[in-house]
PDB file of all heavy atoms in Angstrom:
ATOM      1  N   SER A   1       2.954  -9.509 -15.633  1.00  0.00           N
ATOM      2  CA  SER A   1       2.820  -8.581 -16.758  1.00  0.00           C
ATOM      3  C   SER A   1       1.757  -7.514 -16.554  1.00  0.00           C
ATOM      4  O   SER A   1       1.432  -6.777 -17.486  1.00  0.00           O
ATOM      5  CB  SER A   1       2.506  -9.368 -18.035  1.00  0.00           C
ATOM      6  OG  SER A   1       1.301 -10.100 -17.860  1.00  0.00           O
ATOM      7  N   ILE A   2       1.227  -7.405 -15.345  1.00  0.00           N
ATOM      8  CA  ILE A   2       0.116  -6.468 -15.143  1.00  0.00           C
ATOM      9  C   ILE A   2       0.525  -5.202 -14.424  1.00  0.00           C
ATOM     10  O   ILE A   2      -0.307  -4.346 -14.132  1.00  0.00           O
ATOM     11  CB  ILE A   2      -1.036  -7.133 -14.358  1.00  0.00           C
ATOM     12  CG1 ILE A   2      -0.577  -7.544 -12.945  1.00  0.00           C
ATOM     13  CG2 ILE A   2      -1.587  -8.317 -15.136  1.00  0.00           C
ATOM     14  CD1 ILE A   2      -1.709  -8.027 -12.069  1.00  0.00           C
ATOM     15  N   PHE A   3       1.830  -5.071 -14.133  1.00  0.00           N
ATOM     16  CA  PHE A   3       2.268  -3.937 -13.325  1.00  0.00           C
ATOM     17  C   PHE A   3       1.825  -2.617 -13.932  1.00  0.00           C
ATOM     18  O   PHE A   3       1.338  -1.738 -13.229  1.00  0.00           O
ATOM     19  CB  PHE A   3       3.789  -3.973 -13.186  1.00  0.00           C
ATOM     20  CG  PHE A   3       4.345  -2.837 -12.357  1.00  0.00           C
ATOM     21  CD1 PHE A   3       4.425  -2.949 -10.978  1.00  0.00           C
ATOM     22  CD2 PHE A   3       4.774  -1.651 -12.953  1.00  0.00           C
ATOM     23  CE1 PHE A   3       4.930  -1.912 -10.204  1.00  0.00           C
ATOM     24  CE2 PHE A   3       5.277  -0.615 -12.199  1.00  0.00           C
ATOM     25  CZ  PHE A   3       5.347  -0.742 -10.821  1.00  0.00           C
ATOM     26  N   SER A   4       1.981  -2.460 -15.238  1.00  0.00           N
ATOM     27  CA  SER A   4       1.739  -1.155 -15.857  1.00  0.00           C
ATOM     28  C   SER A   4       0.278  -0.708 -15.793  1.00  0.00           C
ATOM     29  O   SER A   4      -0.006   0.484 -15.889  1.00  0.00           O
ATOM     30  CB  SER A   4       2.206  -1.166 -17.313  1.00  0.00           C
ATOM     31  OG  SER A   4       1.437  -2.097 -18.065  1.00  0.00           O
ATOM     32  N   ILE A   5      -0.629  -1.648 -15.600  1.00  0.00           N
ATOM     33  CA  ILE A   5      -2.046  -1.287 -15.536  1.00  0.00           C
ATOM     34  C   ILE A   5      -2.570  -1.275 -14.106  1.00  0.00           C
ATOM     35  O   ILE A   5      -3.746  -1.007 -13.877  1.00  0.00           O
ATOM     36  CB  ILE A   5      -2.918  -2.230 -16.383  1.00  0.00           C
ATOM     37  CG1 ILE A   5      -2.879  -3.657 -15.837  1.00  0.00           C
ATOM     38  CG2 ILE A   5      -2.486  -2.183 -17.854  1.00  0.00           C
ATOM     39  CD1 ILE A   5      -3.894  -4.580 -16.479  1.00  0.00           C
ATOM     40  N   ALA A   6      -1.700  -1.570 -13.169  1.00  0.00           N
ATOM     41  CA  ALA A   6      -2.129  -1.710 -11.776  1.00  0.00           C
ATOM     42  C   ALA A   6      -1.936  -0.411 -11.001  1.00  0.00           C
ATOM     43  O   ALA A   6      -1.052   0.387 -11.301  1.00  0.00           O
ATOM     44  CB  ALA A   6      -1.337  -2.822 -11.102  1.00  0.00           C
ATOM     45  N   THR A   7      -2.786  -0.235 -10.013  1.00  0.00           N
ATOM     46  CA  THR A   7      -2.567   0.787  -8.998  1.00  0.00           C
ATOM     47  C   THR A   7      -1.629   0.200  -7.948  1.00  0.00           C
ATOM     48  O   THR A   7      -1.845  -0.917  -7.484  1.00  0.00           O
ATOM     49  CB  THR A   7      -3.882   1.217  -8.354  1.00  0.00           C
ATOM     50  OG1 THR A   7      -4.670   1.915  -9.324  1.00  0.00           O
ATOM     51  CG2 THR A   7      -3.645   2.119  -7.160  1.00  0.00           C
ATOM     52  N   MET A   8      -0.606   0.958  -7.610  1.00  0.00           N
ATOM     53  CA  MET A   8       0.364   0.515  -6.625  1.00  0.00           C
ATOM     54  C   MET A   8       0.247   1.368  -5.367  1.00  0.00           C
ATOM     55  O   MET A   8      -0.057   2.561  -5.441  1.00  0.00           O
ATOM     56  CB  MET A   8       1.787   0.626  -7.176  1.00  0.00           C
ATOM     57  CG  MET A   8       2.041  -0.192  -8.418  1.00  0.00           C
ATOM     58  SD  MET A   8       1.798  -1.958  -8.164  1.00  0.00           S
ATOM     59  CE  MET A   8       3.029  -2.285  -6.894  1.00  0.00           C
ATOM     60  N   ALA A   9       0.495   0.758  -4.240  1.00  0.00           N
ATOM     61  CA  ALA A   9       0.359   1.486  -2.984  1.00  0.00           C
ATOM     62  C   ALA A   9       1.364   0.969  -1.963  1.00  0.00           C
ATOM     63  O   ALA A   9       1.843  -0.166  -2.054  1.00  0.00           O
ATOM     64  CB  ALA A   9      -1.059   1.347  -2.438  1.00  0.00           C
ATOM     65  N   TRP A  10       1.652   1.824  -1.020  1.00  0.00           N
ATOM     66  CA  TRP A  10       2.427   1.449   0.167  1.00  0.00           C
ATOM     67  C   TRP A  10       1.513   1.599   1.381  1.00  0.00           C
ATOM     68  O   TRP A  10       0.813   2.608   1.526  1.00  0.00           O
ATOM     69  CB  TRP A  10       3.647   2.330   0.328  1.00  0.00           C
ATOM     70  CG  TRP A  10       4.737   2.052  -0.652  1.00  0.00           C
ATOM     71  CD1 TRP A  10       4.976   2.696  -1.836  1.00  0.00           C
ATOM     72  CD2 TRP A  10       5.746   1.049  -0.532  1.00  0.00           C
ATOM     73  NE1 TRP A  10       6.057   2.149  -2.455  1.00  0.00           N
ATOM     74  CE2 TRP A  10       6.555   1.130  -1.679  1.00  0.00           C
ATOM     75  CE3 TRP A  10       6.048   0.085   0.428  1.00  0.00           C
ATOM     76  CZ2 TRP A  10       7.652   0.293  -1.886  1.00  0.00           C
ATOM     77  CZ3 TRP A  10       7.132  -0.754   0.221  1.00  0.00           C
ATOM     78  CH2 TRP A  10       7.928  -0.642  -0.933  1.00  0.00           C
ATOM     79  N   TYR A  11       1.544   0.582   2.210  1.00  0.00           N
ATOM     80  CA  TYR A  11       0.853   0.598   3.488  1.00  0.00           C
ATOM     81  C   TYR A  11       1.904   0.423   4.581  1.00  0.00           C
ATOM     82  O   TYR A  11       3.030   0.014   4.319  1.00  0.00           O
ATOM     83  CB  TYR A  11      -0.145  -0.558   3.587  1.00  0.00           C
ATOM     84  CG  TYR A  11      -1.420  -0.366   2.819  1.00  0.00           C
ATOM     85  CD1 TYR A  11      -1.429  -0.418   1.432  1.00  0.00           C
ATOM     86  CD2 TYR A  11      -2.625  -0.162   3.485  1.00  0.00           C
ATOM     87  CE1 TYR A  11      -2.615  -0.249   0.724  1.00  0.00           C
ATOM     88  CE2 TYR A  11      -3.813   0.002   2.796  1.00  0.00           C
ATOM     89  CZ  TYR A  11      -3.802  -0.051   1.411  1.00  0.00           C
ATOM     90  OH  TYR A  11      -4.969   0.114   0.714  1.00  0.00           O
ATOM     91  N   ARG A  12       1.511   0.696   5.806  1.00  0.00           N
ATOM     92  CA  ARG A  12       2.387   0.395   6.938  1.00  0.00           C
ATOM     93  C   ARG A  12       1.553  -0.072   8.119  1.00  0.00           C
ATOM     94  O   ARG A  12       0.370   0.266   8.237  1.00  0.00           O
ATOM     95  CB  ARG A  12       3.234   1.611   7.327  1.00  0.00           C
ATOM     96  CG  ARG A  12       2.451   2.789   7.904  1.00  0.00           C
ATOM     97  CD  ARG A  12       3.381   3.964   8.127  1.00  0.00           C
ATOM     98  NE  ARG A  12       2.683   5.114   8.687  1.00  0.00           N
ATOM     99  CZ  ARG A  12       3.232   6.310   8.851  1.00  0.00           C
ATOM    100  NH1 ARG A  12       4.510   6.524   8.491  1.00  0.00           N
ATOM    101  NH2 ARG A  12       2.534   7.307   9.376  1.00  0.00           N
ATOM    102  N   GLN A  13       2.208  -0.841   8.963  1.00  0.00           N
ATOM    103  CA  GLN A  13       1.556  -1.343  10.169  1.00  0.00           C
ATOM    104  C   GLN A  13       2.539  -1.279  11.322  1.00  0.00           C
ATOM    105  O   GLN A  13       3.578  -1.960  11.296  1.00  0.00           O
ATOM    106  CB  GLN A  13       1.043  -2.772   9.970  1.00  0.00           C
ATOM    107  CG  GLN A  13       0.205  -3.268  11.115  1.00  0.00           C
ATOM    108  CD  GLN A  13      -0.554  -4.530  10.775  1.00  0.00           C
ATOM    109  OE1 GLN A  13      -0.214  -5.248   9.829  1.00  0.00           O
ATOM    110  NE2 GLN A  13      -1.604  -4.815  11.524  1.00  0.00           N
ATOM    111  N   ALA A  14       2.201  -0.478  12.300  1.00  0.00           N
ATOM    112  CA  ALA A  14       3.007  -0.372  13.513  1.00  0.00           C
ATOM    113  C   ALA A  14       2.487  -1.381  14.529  1.00  0.00           C
ATOM    114  O   ALA A  14       1.329  -1.805  14.459  1.00  0.00           O
ATOM    115  CB  ALA A  14       2.916   1.045  14.067  1.00  0.00           C
ATOM    116  N   PRO A  15       3.324  -1.770  15.490  1.00  0.00           N
ATOM    117  CA  PRO A  15       2.893  -2.749  16.500  1.00  0.00           C
ATOM    118  C   PRO A  15       1.636  -2.293  17.217  1.00  0.00           C
ATOM    119  O   PRO A  15       1.542  -1.143  17.671  1.00  0.00           O
ATOM    120  CB  PRO A  15       4.089  -2.800  17.451  1.00  0.00           C
ATOM    121  CG  PRO A  15       5.259  -2.419  16.611  1.00  0.00           C
ATOM    122  CD  PRO A  15       4.736  -1.398  15.653  1.00  0.00           C
ATOM    123  N   GLY A  16       0.657  -3.170  17.279  1.00  0.00           N
ATOM    124  CA  GLY A  16      -0.576  -2.874  17.979  1.00  0.00           C
ATOM    125  C   GLY A  16      -1.530  -1.967  17.239  1.00  0.00           C
ATOM    126  O   GLY A  16      -2.566  -1.574  17.784  1.00  0.00           O
ATOM    127  N   LYS A  17      -1.202  -1.640  16.001  1.00  0.00           N
ATOM    128  CA  LYS A  17      -2.061  -0.743  15.226  1.00  0.00           C
ATOM    129  C   LYS A  17      -2.522  -1.425  13.945  1.00  0.00           C
ATOM    130  O   LYS A  17      -1.938  -2.403  13.489  1.00  0.00           O
ATOM    131  CB  LYS A  17      -1.318   0.549  14.896  1.00  0.00           C
ATOM    132  CG  LYS A  17      -0.986   1.399  16.107  1.00  0.00           C
ATOM    133  CD  LYS A  17      -0.420   2.745  15.687  1.00  0.00           C
ATOM    134  CE  LYS A  17      -0.159   3.635  16.888  1.00  0.00           C
ATOM    135  NZ  LYS A  17       0.376   4.970  16.486  1.00  0.00           N
ATOM    136  N   GLN A  18      -3.591  -0.877  13.378  1.00  0.00           N
ATOM    137  CA  GLN A  18      -4.091  -1.398  12.112  1.00  0.00           C
ATOM    138  C   GLN A  18      -3.191  -0.962  10.961  1.00  0.00           C
ATOM    139  O   GLN A  18      -2.532   0.075  11.025  1.00  0.00           O
ATOM    140  CB  GLN A  18      -5.514  -0.899  11.870  1.00  0.00           C
ATOM    141  CG  GLN A  18      -6.557  -1.532  12.780  1.00  0.00           C
ATOM    142  CD  GLN A  18      -7.969  -1.175  12.362  1.00  0.00           C
ATOM    143  OE1 GLN A  18      -8.203  -0.108  11.823  1.00  0.00           O
ATOM    144  NE2 GLN A  18      -8.895  -2.083  12.597  1.00  0.00           N
ATOM    145  N   ARG A  19      -3.221  -1.754   9.909  1.00  0.00           N
ATOM    146  CA  ARG A  19      -2.486  -1.380   8.697  1.00  0.00           C
ATOM    147  C   ARG A  19      -3.145  -0.137   8.098  1.00  0.00           C
ATOM    148  O   ARG A  19      -4.364  -0.060   8.005  1.00  0.00           O
ATOM    149  CB  ARG A  19      -2.502  -2.537   7.701  1.00  0.00           C
ATOM    150  CG  ARG A  19      -1.567  -2.362   6.521  1.00  0.00           C
ATOM    151  CD  ARG A  19      -1.507  -3.620   5.662  1.00  0.00           C
ATOM    152  NE  ARG A  19      -0.936  -4.750   6.394  1.00  0.00           N
ATOM    153  CZ  ARG A  19      -0.607  -5.908   5.821  1.00  0.00           C
ATOM    154  NH1 ARG A  19      -0.773  -6.064   4.502  1.00  0.00           N
ATOM    155  NH2 ARG A  19      -0.117  -6.892   6.548  1.00  0.00           N
ATOM    156  N   GLU A  20      -2.327   0.799   7.680  1.00  0.00           N
ATOM    157  CA  GLU A  20      -2.860   2.039   7.119  1.00  0.00           C
ATOM    158  C   GLU A  20      -2.204   2.358   5.776  1.00  0.00           C
ATOM    159  O   GLU A  20      -1.033   2.036   5.551  1.00  0.00           O
ATOM    160  CB  GLU A  20      -2.628   3.217   8.078  1.00  0.00           C
ATOM    161  CG  GLU A  20      -1.175   3.529   8.367  1.00  0.00           C
ATOM    162  CD  GLU A  20      -0.981   4.781   9.205  1.00  0.00           C
ATOM    163  OE1 GLU A  20      -1.962   5.505   9.450  1.00  0.00           O
ATOM    164  OE2 GLU A  20       0.168   5.046   9.602  1.00  0.00           O
ATOM    165  N   SER A  21      -2.974   2.979   4.917  1.00  0.00           N
ATOM    166  CA  SER A  21      -2.450   3.395   3.620  1.00  0.00           C
ATOM    167  C   SER A  21      -1.538   4.601   3.794  1.00  0.00           C
ATOM    168  O   SER A  21      -1.855   5.533   4.531  1.00  0.00           O
ATOM    169  CB  SER A  21      -3.612   3.738   2.684  1.00  0.00           C
ATOM    170  OG  SER A  21      -3.119   4.241   1.465  1.00  0.00           O
ATOM    171  N   VAL A  22      -0.409   4.551   3.121  1.00  0.00           N
ATOM    172  CA  VAL A  22       0.565   5.634   3.191  1.00  0.00           C
ATOM    173  C   VAL A  22       0.564   6.449   1.907  1.00  0.00           C
ATOM    174  O   VAL A  22       0.501   7.675   1.943  1.00  0.00           O
ATOM    175  CB  VAL A  22       1.974   5.060   3.448  1.00  0.00           C
ATOM    176  CG1 VAL A  22       3.024   6.150   3.360  1.00  0.00           C
ATOM    177  CG2 VAL A  22       2.029   4.369   4.795  1.00  0.00           C
ATOM    178  N   ALA A  23       0.650   5.770   0.779  1.00  0.00           N
ATOM    179  CA  ALA A  23       0.734   6.470  -0.504  1.00  0.00           C
ATOM    180  C   ALA A  23       0.257   5.543  -1.618  1.00  0.00           C
ATOM    181  O   ALA A  23       0.435   4.322  -1.523  1.00  0.00           O
ATOM    182  CB  ALA A  23       2.158   6.922  -0.790  1.00  0.00           C
ATOM    183  N   THR A  24      -0.317   6.147  -2.645  1.00  0.00           N
ATOM    184  CA  THR A  24      -0.859   5.401  -3.779  1.00  0.00           C
ATOM    185  C   THR A  24      -0.475   6.089  -5.082  1.00  0.00           C
ATOM    186  O   THR A  24      -0.459   7.325  -5.138  1.00  0.00           O
ATOM    187  CB  THR A  24      -2.388   5.319  -3.692  1.00  0.00           C
ATOM    188  OG1 THR A  24      -2.754   4.712  -2.454  1.00  0.00           O
ATOM    189  CG2 THR A  24      -2.965   4.501  -4.828  1.00  0.00           C
ATOM    190  N   VAL A  25      -0.184   5.284  -6.086  1.00  0.00           N
ATOM    191  CA  VAL A  25       0.038   5.828  -7.432  1.00  0.00           C
ATOM    192  C   VAL A  25      -0.736   4.976  -8.425  1.00  0.00           C
ATOM    193  O   VAL A  25      -0.629   3.747  -8.430  1.00  0.00           O
ATOM    194  CB  VAL A  25       1.542   5.892  -7.776  1.00  0.00           C
ATOM    195  CG1 VAL A  25       2.213   4.531  -7.706  1.00  0.00           C
ATOM    196  CG2 VAL A  25       1.753   6.539  -9.134  1.00  0.00           C
TER     197      VAL A  25
END
């Protein structure tokens, strides 16, 4: 029930690389 108050984000991780932030809302 907390979705509406949460910040949502997409991250990605390519092989051999660190996870990185892609987009945030």
